[in-house]
């Protein structure tokens, strides 16, 4: 059996679908399945069992002998939430319990870290273990992810193989429920459909012109391909960046979305909200040399190709607009 926590969420549900397509059906889906807005993400998955996250740890202790791999993708991901107790409970302590169980029962563990751990990039965007304790995340979400990475690296005993995946700006199908936390592509699509225009944040940094803020945008199909690679190959344990290795501007993102919809480019710049302005990342770019070194050599979707696939094959077919 393969366990996926966060299976009703964005990346978790895409991974479950991908594994189904690769012939894996003995899946254990873990999440809070009471949230109706996520039901479309998982209801068509071929799985063995769903388990509420509140009782999963006990289930794992009782059924560990049957678990081959565990993907821990469940987390509180709201970067605008500032209640540290929520993040400590869901992102730190819960993850520690899963780590301890995987160590005790010798279950390979793949878990979600985040590029939010890098803060403003003072130490670059290299997935080197020696810089982790020095990183300065900009919000409680990023801190909770980095706190767990620090804790994991300090453990004298570990799962037989473990991988902390530092996801950069992931976009793609099944993020429909995420609201404000959905990708810029998702919001750009909705704005174009409703108004014919895209609103982007104005730059409040003199080093960047409006629309030229840079991020490493990675399509979720690449993310699940990497997860599948780790499941099969079980290479060297550690933290790994999961991005394309190429930063792109928000202007190019908006332009690609207009192109996918065959509409003229119309962009308006608005002030970045005050509650996130001093925590805004103007540049991120994953160093993926470590990922390549362990044998992952697949090409990544370009931003244009990924957006075209997302818009034409998913967003335009989504019925709830």
C-alpha atoms as a PDB file:
ATOM      1  CA  UNK A   1       0.000   0.000   0.000  1.00  0.00           C
ATOM      2  CA  UNK A   2       1.049   3.590  -0.675  1.00  0.00           C
ATOM      3  CA  UNK A   3      -0.162   6.259   1.742  1.00  0.00           C
ATOM      4  CA  UNK A   4      -0.803   9.852   0.646  1.00  0.00           C
ATOM      5  CA  UNK A   5      -1.631  12.466   3.267  1.00  0.00           C
ATOM      6  CA  UNK A   6      -3.268  15.624   1.952  1.00  0.00           C
ATOM      7  CA  UNK A   7      -4.867  13.408  -0.672  1.00  0.00           C
ATOM      8  CA  UNK A   8      -7.928  15.638  -1.082  1.00  0.00           C
ATOM      9  CA  UNK A   9      -5.734  18.675  -1.636  1.00  0.00           C
ATOM     10  CA  UNK A  10      -3.962  20.038  -4.680  1.00  0.00           C
ATOM     11  CA  UNK A  11      -0.691  18.131  -5.050  1.00  0.00           C
ATOM     12  CA  UNK A  12      -1.856  15.060  -3.125  1.00  0.00           C
ATOM     13  CA  UNK A  13      -4.844  14.442  -5.384  1.00  0.00           C
ATOM     14  CA  UNK A  14      -2.758  15.000  -8.528  1.00  0.00           C
ATOM     15  CA  UNK A  15      -0.240  12.469  -7.223  1.00  0.00           C
ATOM     16  CA  UNK A  16      -2.984   9.926  -6.514  1.00  0.00           C
ATOM     17  CA  UNK A  17      -4.347  10.348 -10.050  1.00  0.00           C
ATOM     18  CA  UNK A  18      -0.859   9.999 -11.520  1.00  0.00           C
ATOM     19  CA  UNK A  19      -0.180   6.825  -9.535  1.00  0.00           C
ATOM     20  CA  UNK A  20      -3.490   5.384 -10.744  1.00  0.00           C
ATOM     21  CA  UNK A  21      -2.358   6.065 -14.313  1.00  0.00           C
ATOM     22  CA  UNK A  22       0.870   4.172 -13.564  1.00  0.00           C
ATOM     23  CA  UNK A  23      -1.074   1.153 -12.307  1.00  0.00           C
ATOM     24  CA  UNK A  24      -1.031   1.826  -8.543  1.00  0.00           C
ATOM     25  CA  UNK A  25      -4.469   1.309  -7.011  1.00  0.00           C
ATOM     26  CA  UNK A  26      -3.630   0.161  -3.474  1.00  0.00           C
ATOM     27  CA  UNK A  27      -3.709   3.737  -2.227  1.00  0.00           C
ATOM     28  CA  UNK A  28      -4.557   4.942   1.272  1.00  0.00           C
ATOM     29  CA  UNK A  29      -5.897   8.492   1.112  1.00  0.00           C
ATOM     30  CA  UNK A  30      -5.537  10.601   4.259  1.00  0.00           C
ATOM     31  CA  UNK A  31      -7.149  14.013   4.755  1.00  0.00           C
ATOM     32  CA  UNK A  32     -10.100  15.852   6.249  1.00  0.00           C
ATOM     33  CA  UNK A  33     -12.723  14.561   3.834  1.00  0.00           C
ATOM     34  CA  UNK A  34     -15.546  16.633   5.311  1.00  0.00           C
ATOM     35  CA  UNK A  35     -14.682  19.601   3.096  1.00  0.00           C
ATOM     36  CA  UNK A  36     -17.096  19.389   0.181  1.00  0.00           C
ATOM     37  CA  UNK A  37     -15.150  21.859  -1.951  1.00  0.00           C
ATOM     38  CA  UNK A  38     -12.371  19.251  -2.241  1.00  0.00           C
ATOM     39  CA  UNK A  39     -14.600  16.298  -3.123  1.00  0.00           C
ATOM     40  CA  UNK A  40     -14.058  16.595  -6.876  1.00  0.00           C
ATOM     41  CA  UNK A  41     -10.316  16.205  -6.311  1.00  0.00           C
ATOM     42  CA  UNK A  42     -10.480  12.652  -4.994  1.00  0.00           C
ATOM     43  CA  UNK A  43     -13.890  11.104  -5.711  1.00  0.00           C
ATOM     44  CA  UNK A  44     -12.766   9.592  -9.035  1.00  0.00           C
ATOM     45  CA  UNK A  45      -9.493   8.204  -7.676  1.00  0.00           C
ATOM     46  CA  UNK A  46      -9.153   4.412  -7.531  1.00  0.00           C
ATOM     47  CA  UNK A  47      -8.142   3.826  -3.918  1.00  0.00           C
ATOM     48  CA  UNK A  48      -8.297   1.214  -1.180  1.00  0.00           C
ATOM     49  CA  UNK A  49      -9.312   3.303   1.832  1.00  0.00           C
ATOM     50  CA  UNK A  50      -9.846   6.871   3.047  1.00  0.00           C
ATOM     51  CA  UNK A  51      -8.739   7.794   6.561  1.00  0.00           C
ATOM     52  CA  UNK A  52      -9.374  10.986   8.485  1.00  0.00           C
ATOM     53  CA  UNK A  53      -6.123  12.693   9.390  1.00  0.00           C
ATOM     54  CA  UNK A  54      -7.134  12.827  13.057  1.00  0.00           C
ATOM     55  CA  UNK A  55      -6.963   9.032  13.392  1.00  0.00           C
ATOM     56  CA  UNK A  56      -4.268   8.304  10.823  1.00  0.00           C
ATOM     57  CA  UNK A  57      -1.311   8.011  13.193  1.00  0.00           C
ATOM     58  CA  UNK A  58      -3.036   5.260  15.149  1.00  0.00           C
ATOM     59  CA  UNK A  59      -4.061   3.546  11.897  1.00  0.00           C
ATOM     60  CA  UNK A  60      -0.433   3.628  10.778  1.00  0.00           C
ATOM     61  CA  UNK A  61       0.732   1.960  13.984  1.00  0.00           C
ATOM     62  CA  UNK A  62      -1.870  -0.756  13.488  1.00  0.00           C
ATOM     63  CA  UNK A  63      -1.265  -1.321   9.755  1.00  0.00           C
ATOM     64  CA  UNK A  64       2.395  -0.432   9.244  1.00  0.00           C
ATOM     65  CA  UNK A  65       3.353  -3.883   7.944  1.00  0.00           C
ATOM     66  CA  UNK A  66       1.351  -3.256   4.751  1.00  0.00           C
ATOM     67  CA  UNK A  67       2.703   0.220   3.937  1.00  0.00           C
ATOM     68  CA  UNK A  68       5.428   0.366   1.235  1.00  0.00           C
ATOM     69  CA  UNK A  69       5.826   4.144   0.912  1.00  0.00           C
ATOM     70  CA  UNK A  70       4.381   7.202   2.627  1.00  0.00           C
ATOM     71  CA  UNK A  71       3.887  10.566   0.916  1.00  0.00           C
ATOM     72  CA  UNK A  72       3.230  13.208   3.551  1.00  0.00           C
ATOM     73  CA  UNK A  73       1.783  16.103   1.541  1.00  0.00           C
ATOM     74  CA  UNK A  74      -0.862  17.259   4.005  1.00  0.00           C
ATOM     75  CA  UNK A  75      -0.185  20.670   5.550  1.00  0.00           C
ATOM     76  CA  UNK A  76      -1.653  24.043   6.386  1.00  0.00           C
ATOM     77  CA  UNK A  77      -0.393  26.141   3.469  1.00  0.00           C
ATOM     78  CA  UNK A  78      -2.015  29.544   4.042  1.00  0.00           C
ATOM     79  CA  UNK A  79       0.816  32.082   3.941  1.00  0.00           C
ATOM     80  CA  UNK A  80      -1.515  34.806   5.259  1.00  0.00           C
ATOM     81  CA  UNK A  81      -2.328  32.886   8.458  1.00  0.00           C
ATOM     82  CA  UNK A  82      -0.300  34.116  11.426  1.00  0.00           C
ATOM     83  CA  UNK A  83      -1.486  31.801  14.214  1.00  0.00           C
ATOM     84  CA  UNK A  84       1.718  29.870  14.887  1.00  0.00           C
ATOM     85  CA  UNK A  85      -0.124  27.306  17.026  1.00  0.00           C
ATOM     86  CA  UNK A  86      -2.006  26.061  13.939  1.00  0.00           C
ATOM     87  CA  UNK A  87       1.221  25.558  12.010  1.00  0.00           C
ATOM     88  CA  UNK A  88       2.978  23.954  14.970  1.00  0.00           C
ATOM     89  CA  UNK A  89       0.177  21.413  15.285  1.00  0.00           C
ATOM     90  CA  UNK A  90      -0.386  20.540  11.622  1.00  0.00           C
ATOM     91  CA  UNK A  91       2.978  21.186   9.966  1.00  0.00           C
ATOM     92  CA  UNK A  92       5.480  20.435  12.725  1.00  0.00           C
ATOM     93  CA  UNK A  93       4.208  18.103  15.452  1.00  0.00           C
ATOM     94  CA  UNK A  94       2.007  15.988  13.166  1.00  0.00           C
ATOM     95  CA  UNK A  95       4.918  15.610  10.733  1.00  0.00           C
ATOM     96  CA  UNK A  96       7.193  14.577  13.589  1.00  0.00           C
ATOM     97  CA  UNK A  97       4.799  11.785  14.540  1.00  0.00           C
ATOM     98  CA  UNK A  98       4.778  10.530  10.947  1.00  0.00           C
ATOM     99  CA  UNK A  99       8.590  10.660  10.803  1.00  0.00           C
ATOM    100  CA  UNK A 100       8.902   8.698  14.040  1.00  0.00           C
ATOM    101  CA  UNK A 101       6.501   6.010  12.809  1.00  0.00           C
ATOM    102  CA  UNK A 102       8.286   5.705   9.450  1.00  0.00           C
ATOM    103  CA  UNK A 103      11.583   5.393  11.314  1.00  0.00           C
ATOM    104  CA  UNK A 104      10.230   2.761  13.693  1.00  0.00           C
ATOM    105  CA  UNK A 105       8.644   0.679  10.943  1.00  0.00           C
ATOM    106  CA  UNK A 106      11.288   1.334   8.245  1.00  0.00           C
ATOM    107  CA  UNK A 107       8.909   2.970   5.770  1.00  0.00           C
ATOM    108  CA  UNK A 108      10.434   5.294   3.117  1.00  0.00           C
ATOM    109  CA  UNK A 109       9.058   8.822   3.598  1.00  0.00           C
ATOM    110  CA  UNK A 110       8.592  11.596   1.026  1.00  0.00           C
ATOM    111  CA  UNK A 111       7.309  14.814   2.585  1.00  0.00           C
ATOM    112  CA  UNK A 112       6.448  18.333   1.447  1.00  0.00           C
ATOM    113  CA  UNK A 113       8.783  21.098   2.456  1.00  0.00           C
ATOM    114  CA  UNK A 114       8.585  24.465   0.685  1.00  0.00           C
ATOM    115  CA  UNK A 115      10.568  27.179  -1.085  1.00  0.00           C
ATOM    116  CA  UNK A 116       8.961  29.494   1.484  1.00  0.00           C
ATOM    117  CA  UNK A 117      11.746  28.291   3.804  1.00  0.00           C
ATOM    118  CA  UNK A 118      14.230  30.402   1.799  1.00  0.00           C
ATOM    119  CA  UNK A 119      12.709  33.745   2.832  1.00  0.00           C
ATOM    120  CA  UNK A 120      14.172  36.570   0.758  1.00  0.00           C
ATOM    121  CA  UNK A 121      16.904  34.276  -0.540  1.00  0.00           C
ATOM    122  CA  UNK A 122      19.660  35.728   1.618  1.00  0.00           C
ATOM    123  CA  UNK A 123      21.425  32.363   1.426  1.00  0.00           C
ATOM    124  CA  UNK A 124      20.396  31.639  -2.133  1.00  0.00           C
ATOM    125  CA  UNK A 125      18.073  28.849  -3.246  1.00  0.00           C
ATOM    126  CA  UNK A 126      20.400  25.879  -2.827  1.00  0.00           C
ATOM    127  CA  UNK A 127      19.062  22.743  -1.142  1.00  0.00           C
ATOM    128  CA  UNK A 128      22.213  22.365   0.946  1.00  0.00           C
ATOM    129  CA  UNK A 129      21.655  20.945   4.405  1.00  0.00           C
ATOM    130  CA  UNK A 130      24.217  23.218   6.018  1.00  0.00           C
ATOM    131  CA  UNK A 131      22.236  26.411   5.330  1.00  0.00           C
ATOM    132  CA  UNK A 132      18.870  25.188   6.649  1.00  0.00           C
ATOM    133  CA  UNK A 133      19.363  26.385  10.233  1.00  0.00           C
ATOM    134  CA  UNK A 134      20.328  29.865   8.964  1.00  0.00           C
ATOM    135  CA  UNK A 135      17.300  30.455   6.730  1.00  0.00           C
ATOM    136  CA  UNK A 136      14.863  33.264   7.578  1.00  0.00           C
ATOM    137  CA  UNK A 137      11.336  32.430   6.315  1.00  0.00           C
ATOM    138  CA  UNK A 138       8.984  35.395   5.987  1.00  0.00           C
ATOM    139  CA  UNK A 139       5.832  33.944   7.577  1.00  0.00           C
ATOM    140  CA  UNK A 140       4.687  31.269  10.058  1.00  0.00           C
ATOM    141  CA  UNK A 141       3.966  28.815   7.243  1.00  0.00           C
ATOM    142  CA  UNK A 142       7.535  29.011   5.948  1.00  0.00           C
ATOM    143  CA  UNK A 143       8.921  28.868   9.480  1.00  0.00           C
ATOM    144  CA  UNK A 144       6.930  25.731  10.296  1.00  0.00           C
ATOM    145  CA  UNK A 145       8.293  24.002   7.201  1.00  0.00           C
ATOM    146  CA  UNK A 146      11.835  25.058   7.985  1.00  0.00           C
ATOM    147  CA  UNK A 147      11.455  24.056  11.637  1.00  0.00           C
ATOM    148  CA  UNK A 148      10.586  20.538  10.533  1.00  0.00           C
ATOM    149  CA  UNK A 149      13.506  20.412   8.072  1.00  0.00           C
ATOM    150  CA  UNK A 150      15.858  21.480  10.885  1.00  0.00           C
ATOM    151  CA  UNK A 151      14.373  18.880  13.223  1.00  0.00           C
ATOM    152  CA  UNK A 152      14.615  16.114  10.588  1.00  0.00           C
ATOM    153  CA  UNK A 153      18.271  16.863   9.912  1.00  0.00           C
ATOM    154  CA  UNK A 154      19.030  16.625  13.642  1.00  0.00           C
ATOM    155  CA  UNK A 155      17.528  13.169  14.122  1.00  0.00           C
ATOM    156  CA  UNK A 156      19.966  10.365  14.990  1.00  0.00           C
ATOM    157  CA  UNK A 157      17.551   7.806  13.545  1.00  0.00           C
ATOM    158  CA  UNK A 158      15.632   8.229  10.298  1.00  0.00           C
ATOM    159  CA  UNK A 159      13.352   6.363   7.918  1.00  0.00           C
ATOM    160  CA  UNK A 160      15.372   4.024   5.632  1.00  0.00           C
ATOM    161  CA  UNK A 161      15.019   6.633   2.869  1.00  0.00           C
ATOM    162  CA  UNK A 162      13.551  10.113   3.284  1.00  0.00           C
ATOM    163  CA  UNK A 163      13.076  13.106   0.994  1.00  0.00           C
ATOM    164  CA  UNK A 164      11.997  16.630   1.946  1.00  0.00           C
ATOM    165  CA  UNK A 165      10.751  18.288  -1.244  1.00  0.00           C
ATOM    166  CA  UNK A 166      11.081  22.069  -1.351  1.00  0.00           C
ATOM    167  CA  UNK A 167       8.214  22.888  -3.697  1.00  0.00           C
ATOM    168  CA  UNK A 168       8.527  26.206  -5.506  1.00  0.00           C
ATOM    169  CA  UNK A 169       5.490  27.915  -7.102  1.00  0.00           C
ATOM    170  CA  UNK A 170       3.350  24.941  -8.084  1.00  0.00           C
ATOM    171  CA  UNK A 171       0.341  25.441 -10.359  1.00  0.00           C
ATOM    172  CA  UNK A 172      -2.099  23.171 -12.131  1.00  0.00           C
ATOM    173  CA  UNK A 173      -5.407  21.284 -11.885  1.00  0.00           C
ATOM    174  CA  UNK A 174      -7.103  20.530  -8.548  1.00  0.00           C
ATOM    175  CA  UNK A 175      -6.219  23.857  -6.944  1.00  0.00           C
ATOM    176  CA  UNK A 176      -9.766  25.117  -7.501  1.00  0.00           C
ATOM    177  CA  UNK A 177     -10.577  25.042  -3.769  1.00  0.00           C
ATOM    178  CA  UNK A 178      -7.572  27.083  -2.612  1.00  0.00           C
ATOM    179  CA  UNK A 179      -9.111  30.558  -2.824  1.00  0.00           C
ATOM    180  CA  UNK A 180      -6.557  33.319  -2.294  1.00  0.00           C
ATOM    181  CA  UNK A 181      -3.773  30.701  -2.095  1.00  0.00           C
ATOM    182  CA  UNK A 182      -4.404  29.375  -5.620  1.00  0.00           C
ATOM    183  CA  UNK A 183      -1.731  30.074  -8.232  1.00  0.00           C
ATOM    184  CA  UNK A 184      -1.448  33.347 -10.129  1.00  0.00           C
ATOM    185  CA  UNK A 185      -2.314  31.414 -13.295  1.00  0.00           C
ATOM    186  CA  UNK A 186      -5.631  30.347 -11.767  1.00  0.00           C
ATOM    187  CA  UNK A 187      -6.476  33.911 -10.744  1.00  0.00           C
ATOM    188  CA  UNK A 188      -5.314  35.339 -14.079  1.00  0.00           C
ATOM    189  CA  UNK A 189      -7.582  32.914 -15.941  1.00  0.00           C
ATOM    190  CA  UNK A 190     -10.616  33.910 -13.882  1.00  0.00           C
ATOM    191  CA  UNK A 191      -9.894  37.619 -14.295  1.00  0.00           C
ATOM    192  CA  UNK A 192      -9.546  37.313 -18.058  1.00  0.00           C
ATOM    193  CA  UNK A 193     -12.773  35.330 -18.292  1.00  0.00           C
ATOM    194  CA  UNK A 194     -14.634  37.892 -16.191  1.00  0.00           C
ATOM    195  CA  UNK A 195     -13.078  41.217 -17.264  1.00  0.00           C
ATOM    196  CA  UNK A 196     -10.680  40.609 -20.164  1.00  0.00           C
ATOM    197  CA  UNK A 197      -7.862  41.996 -18.016  1.00  0.00           C
ATOM    198  CA  UNK A 198      -5.281  40.711 -15.521  1.00  0.00           C
ATOM    199  CA  UNK A 199      -4.281  42.581 -12.374  1.00  0.00           C
ATOM    200  CA  UNK A 200      -0.696  42.075 -11.249  1.00  0.00           C
ATOM    201  CA  UNK A 201       1.044  43.455  -8.179  1.00  0.00           C
ATOM    202  CA  UNK A 202       3.002  46.629  -8.750  1.00  0.00           C
ATOM    203  CA  UNK A 203       6.676  46.430  -7.785  1.00  0.00           C
ATOM    204  CA  UNK A 204       7.563  48.170  -4.522  1.00  0.00           C
ATOM    205  CA  UNK A 205      11.221  47.296  -5.001  1.00  0.00           C
ATOM    206  CA  UNK A 206      13.333  49.718  -7.084  1.00  0.00           C
ATOM    207  CA  UNK A 207      15.368  46.805  -8.452  1.00  0.00           C
ATOM    208  CA  UNK A 208      12.326  45.388 -10.279  1.00  0.00           C
ATOM    209  CA  UNK A 209       9.980  47.015 -12.778  1.00  0.00           C
ATOM    210  CA  UNK A 210       6.251  46.352 -12.575  1.00  0.00           C
ATOM    211  CA  UNK A 211       5.526  42.824 -13.778  1.00  0.00           C
ATOM    212  CA  UNK A 212       9.174  41.808 -13.767  1.00  0.00           C
ATOM    213  CA  UNK A 213       9.125  40.111 -10.374  1.00  0.00           C
ATOM    214  CA  UNK A 214      10.550  36.629 -10.903  1.00  0.00           C
ATOM    215  CA  UNK A 215       9.432  33.240  -9.625  1.00  0.00           C
ATOM    216  CA  UNK A 216      10.196  29.625 -10.419  1.00  0.00           C
ATOM    217  CA  UNK A 217       6.791  28.362 -11.570  1.00  0.00           C
ATOM    218  CA  UNK A 218       6.564  24.554 -11.733  1.00  0.00           C
ATOM    219  CA  UNK A 219       3.678  22.603 -13.248  1.00  0.00           C
ATOM    220  CA  UNK A 220       2.134  20.026 -10.925  1.00  0.00           C
ATOM    221  CA  UNK A 221       2.626  17.313 -13.556  1.00  0.00           C
ATOM    222  CA  UNK A 222       6.379  17.752 -13.134  1.00  0.00           C
ATOM    223  CA  UNK A 223       5.988  17.610  -9.360  1.00  0.00           C
ATOM    224  CA  UNK A 224       4.185  14.262  -9.420  1.00  0.00           C
ATOM    225  CA  UNK A 225       6.683  12.886 -11.939  1.00  0.00           C
ATOM    226  CA  UNK A 226       9.433  13.634  -9.428  1.00  0.00           C
ATOM    227  CA  UNK A 227       7.445  11.993  -6.627  1.00  0.00           C
ATOM    228  CA  UNK A 228       6.970   8.907  -8.791  1.00  0.00           C
ATOM    229  CA  UNK A 229      10.699   8.835  -9.587  1.00  0.00           C
ATOM    230  CA  UNK A 230      11.551   8.888  -5.862  1.00  0.00           C
ATOM    231  CA  UNK A 231       9.006   6.169  -5.117  1.00  0.00           C
ATOM    232  CA  UNK A 232      10.644   3.825  -7.630  1.00  0.00           C
ATOM    233  CA  UNK A 233      14.334   4.699  -7.386  1.00  0.00           C
ATOM    234  CA  UNK A 234      14.819   5.526  -3.677  1.00  0.00           C
ATOM    235  CA  UNK A 235      18.035   7.534  -4.244  1.00  0.00           C
ATOM    236  CA  UNK A 236      20.127   9.307  -1.597  1.00  0.00           C
ATOM    237  CA  UNK A 237      18.050  10.761   1.246  1.00  0.00           C
ATOM    238  CA  UNK A 238      17.863  14.491   1.897  1.00  0.00           C
ATOM    239  CA  UNK A 239      16.253  17.804   1.015  1.00  0.00           C
ATOM    240  CA  UNK A 240      15.598  18.467  -2.665  1.00  0.00           C
ATOM    241  CA  UNK A 241      14.406  21.533  -4.545  1.00  0.00           C
ATOM    242  CA  UNK A 242      11.416  20.901  -6.793  1.00  0.00           C
ATOM    243  CA  UNK A 243      11.298  23.668  -9.361  1.00  0.00           C
ATOM    244  CA  UNK A 244      12.228  24.101 -13.010  1.00  0.00           C
ATOM    245  CA  UNK A 245      15.504  25.866 -12.314  1.00  0.00           C
ATOM    246  CA  UNK A 246      14.397  28.832 -14.437  1.00  0.00           C
ATOM    247  CA  UNK A 247      12.783  31.946 -12.980  1.00  0.00           C
ATOM    248  CA  UNK A 248      10.140  33.680 -15.128  1.00  0.00           C
ATOM    249  CA  UNK A 249       8.398  37.027 -14.786  1.00  0.00           C
ATOM    250  CA  UNK A 250       4.776  37.567 -13.846  1.00  0.00           C
ATOM    251  CA  UNK A 251       4.412  39.484 -17.104  1.00  0.00           C
ATOM    252  CA  UNK A 252       5.355  36.358 -19.069  1.00  0.00           C
ATOM    253  CA  UNK A 253       2.927  34.340 -16.965  1.00  0.00           C
ATOM    254  CA  UNK A 254       0.056  36.722 -17.728  1.00  0.00           C
ATOM    255  CA  UNK A 255       0.981  36.884 -21.416  1.00  0.00           C
ATOM    256  CA  UNK A 256       1.021  33.079 -21.675  1.00  0.00           C
ATOM    257  CA  UNK A 257      -2.430  32.924 -20.082  1.00  0.00           C
ATOM    258  CA  UNK A 258      -3.836  35.458 -22.583  1.00  0.00           C
ATOM    259  CA  UNK A 259      -2.191  33.474 -25.404  1.00  0.00           C
ATOM    260  CA  UNK A 260      -3.745  30.207 -24.214  1.00  0.00           C
ATOM    261  CA  UNK A 261      -7.144  31.917 -24.250  1.00  0.00           C
ATOM    262  CA  UNK A 262      -6.431  33.569 -27.625  1.00  0.00           C
ATOM    263  CA  UNK A 263      -7.102  37.016 -26.203  1.00  0.00           C
ATOM    264  CA  UNK A 264      -5.123  40.286 -26.429  1.00  0.00           C
ATOM    265  CA  UNK A 265      -2.825  41.141 -23.540  1.00  0.00           C
ATOM    266  CA  UNK A 266      -4.336  43.666 -21.113  1.00  0.00           C
ATOM    267  CA  UNK A 267      -2.511  44.045 -17.781  1.00  0.00           C
ATOM    268  CA  UNK A 268      -3.231  46.475 -14.949  1.00  0.00           C
ATOM    269  CA  UNK A 269      -0.855  46.956 -12.025  1.00  0.00           C
ATOM    270  CA  UNK A 270      -2.187  47.336  -8.490  1.00  0.00           C
ATOM    271  CA  UNK A 271      -0.484  47.911  -5.141  1.00  0.00           C
ATOM    272  CA  UNK A 272       0.655  44.815  -3.271  1.00  0.00           C
ATOM    273  CA  UNK A 273      -1.572  44.427  -0.167  1.00  0.00           C
ATOM    274  CA  UNK A 274       0.024  45.883   2.952  1.00  0.00           C
ATOM    275  CA  UNK A 275      -0.355  42.640   4.923  1.00  0.00           C
ATOM    276  CA  UNK A 276       2.059  40.834   2.605  1.00  0.00           C
ATOM    277  CA  UNK A 277       4.122  43.677   1.125  1.00  0.00           C
ATOM    278  CA  UNK A 278       7.097  43.322   3.486  1.00  0.00           C
ATOM    279  CA  UNK A 279       7.001  39.524   3.099  1.00  0.00           C
ATOM    280  CA  UNK A 280       6.886  39.467  -0.691  1.00  0.00           C
ATOM    281  CA  UNK A 281       9.500  37.447  -2.587  1.00  0.00           C
ATOM    282  CA  UNK A 282      10.707  39.295  -5.693  1.00  0.00           C
ATOM    283  CA  UNK A 283      12.870  36.459  -6.946  1.00  0.00           C
ATOM    284  CA  UNK A 284      12.988  32.691  -6.534  1.00  0.00           C
ATOM    285  CA  UNK A 285      14.805  30.133  -8.643  1.00  0.00           C
ATOM    286  CA  UNK A 286      15.434  26.541  -7.642  1.00  0.00           C
ATOM    287  CA  UNK A 287      18.927  25.145  -7.905  1.00  0.00           C
ATOM    288  CA  UNK A 288      18.094  21.633  -9.166  1.00  0.00           C
ATOM    289  CA  UNK A 289      21.623  20.278  -9.604  1.00  0.00           C
ATOM    290  CA  UNK A 290      21.098  17.920  -6.670  1.00  0.00           C
ATOM    291  CA  UNK A 291      17.905  16.524  -8.220  1.00  0.00           C
ATOM    292  CA  UNK A 292      19.698  15.984 -11.522  1.00  0.00           C
ATOM    293  CA  UNK A 293      22.629  14.336  -9.753  1.00  0.00           C
ATOM    294  CA  UNK A 294      20.412  11.568  -8.326  1.00  0.00           C
ATOM    295  CA  UNK A 295      19.212  10.686 -11.809  1.00  0.00           C
ATOM    296  CA  UNK A 296      16.088  12.763 -12.547  1.00  0.00           C
ATOM    297  CA  UNK A 297      16.672  13.865 -16.134  1.00  0.00           C
ATOM    298  CA  UNK A 298      13.180  14.531 -17.501  1.00  0.00           C
ATOM    299  CA  UNK A 299      12.576  17.888 -19.133  1.00  0.00           C
ATOM    300  CA  UNK A 300      10.264  20.267 -17.312  1.00  0.00           C
ATOM    301  CA  UNK A 301       7.220  21.920 -18.824  1.00  0.00           C
ATOM    302  CA  UNK A 302       8.067  25.423 -20.002  1.00  0.00           C
ATOM    303  CA  UNK A 303       5.832  28.087 -18.478  1.00  0.00           C
ATOM    304  CA  UNK A 304       4.066  28.587 -21.812  1.00  0.00           C
ATOM    305  CA  UNK A 305       3.482  24.877 -22.392  1.00  0.00           C
ATOM    306  CA  UNK A 306       2.336  24.253 -18.828  1.00  0.00           C
ATOM    307  CA  UNK A 307      -0.105  27.153 -18.865  1.00  0.00           C
ATOM    308  CA  UNK A 308      -1.501  26.108 -22.247  1.00  0.00           C
ATOM    309  CA  UNK A 309      -2.137  22.588 -20.983  1.00  0.00           C
ATOM    310  CA  UNK A 310      -3.665  23.823 -17.720  1.00  0.00           C
ATOM    311  CA  UNK A 311      -5.938  26.381 -19.394  1.00  0.00           C
ATOM    312  CA  UNK A 312      -7.098  24.341 -22.375  1.00  0.00           C
ATOM    313  CA  UNK A 313      -7.394  20.896 -20.814  1.00  0.00           C
ATOM    314  CA  UNK A 314      -8.556  21.785 -17.302  1.00  0.00           C
ATOM    315  CA  UNK A 315      -9.628  25.357 -16.552  1.00  0.00           C
ATOM    316  CA  UNK A 316     -11.782  25.760 -19.667  1.00  0.00           C
ATOM    317  CA  UNK A 317     -13.432  22.408 -18.917  1.00  0.00           C
ATOM    318  CA  UNK A 318     -14.115  23.130 -15.254  1.00  0.00           C
ATOM    319  CA  UNK A 319     -17.873  23.479 -14.901  1.00  0.00           C
ATOM    320  CA  UNK A 320     -18.185  25.622 -11.767  1.00  0.00           C
ATOM    321  CA  UNK A 321     -17.572  29.137 -13.037  1.00  0.00           C
END
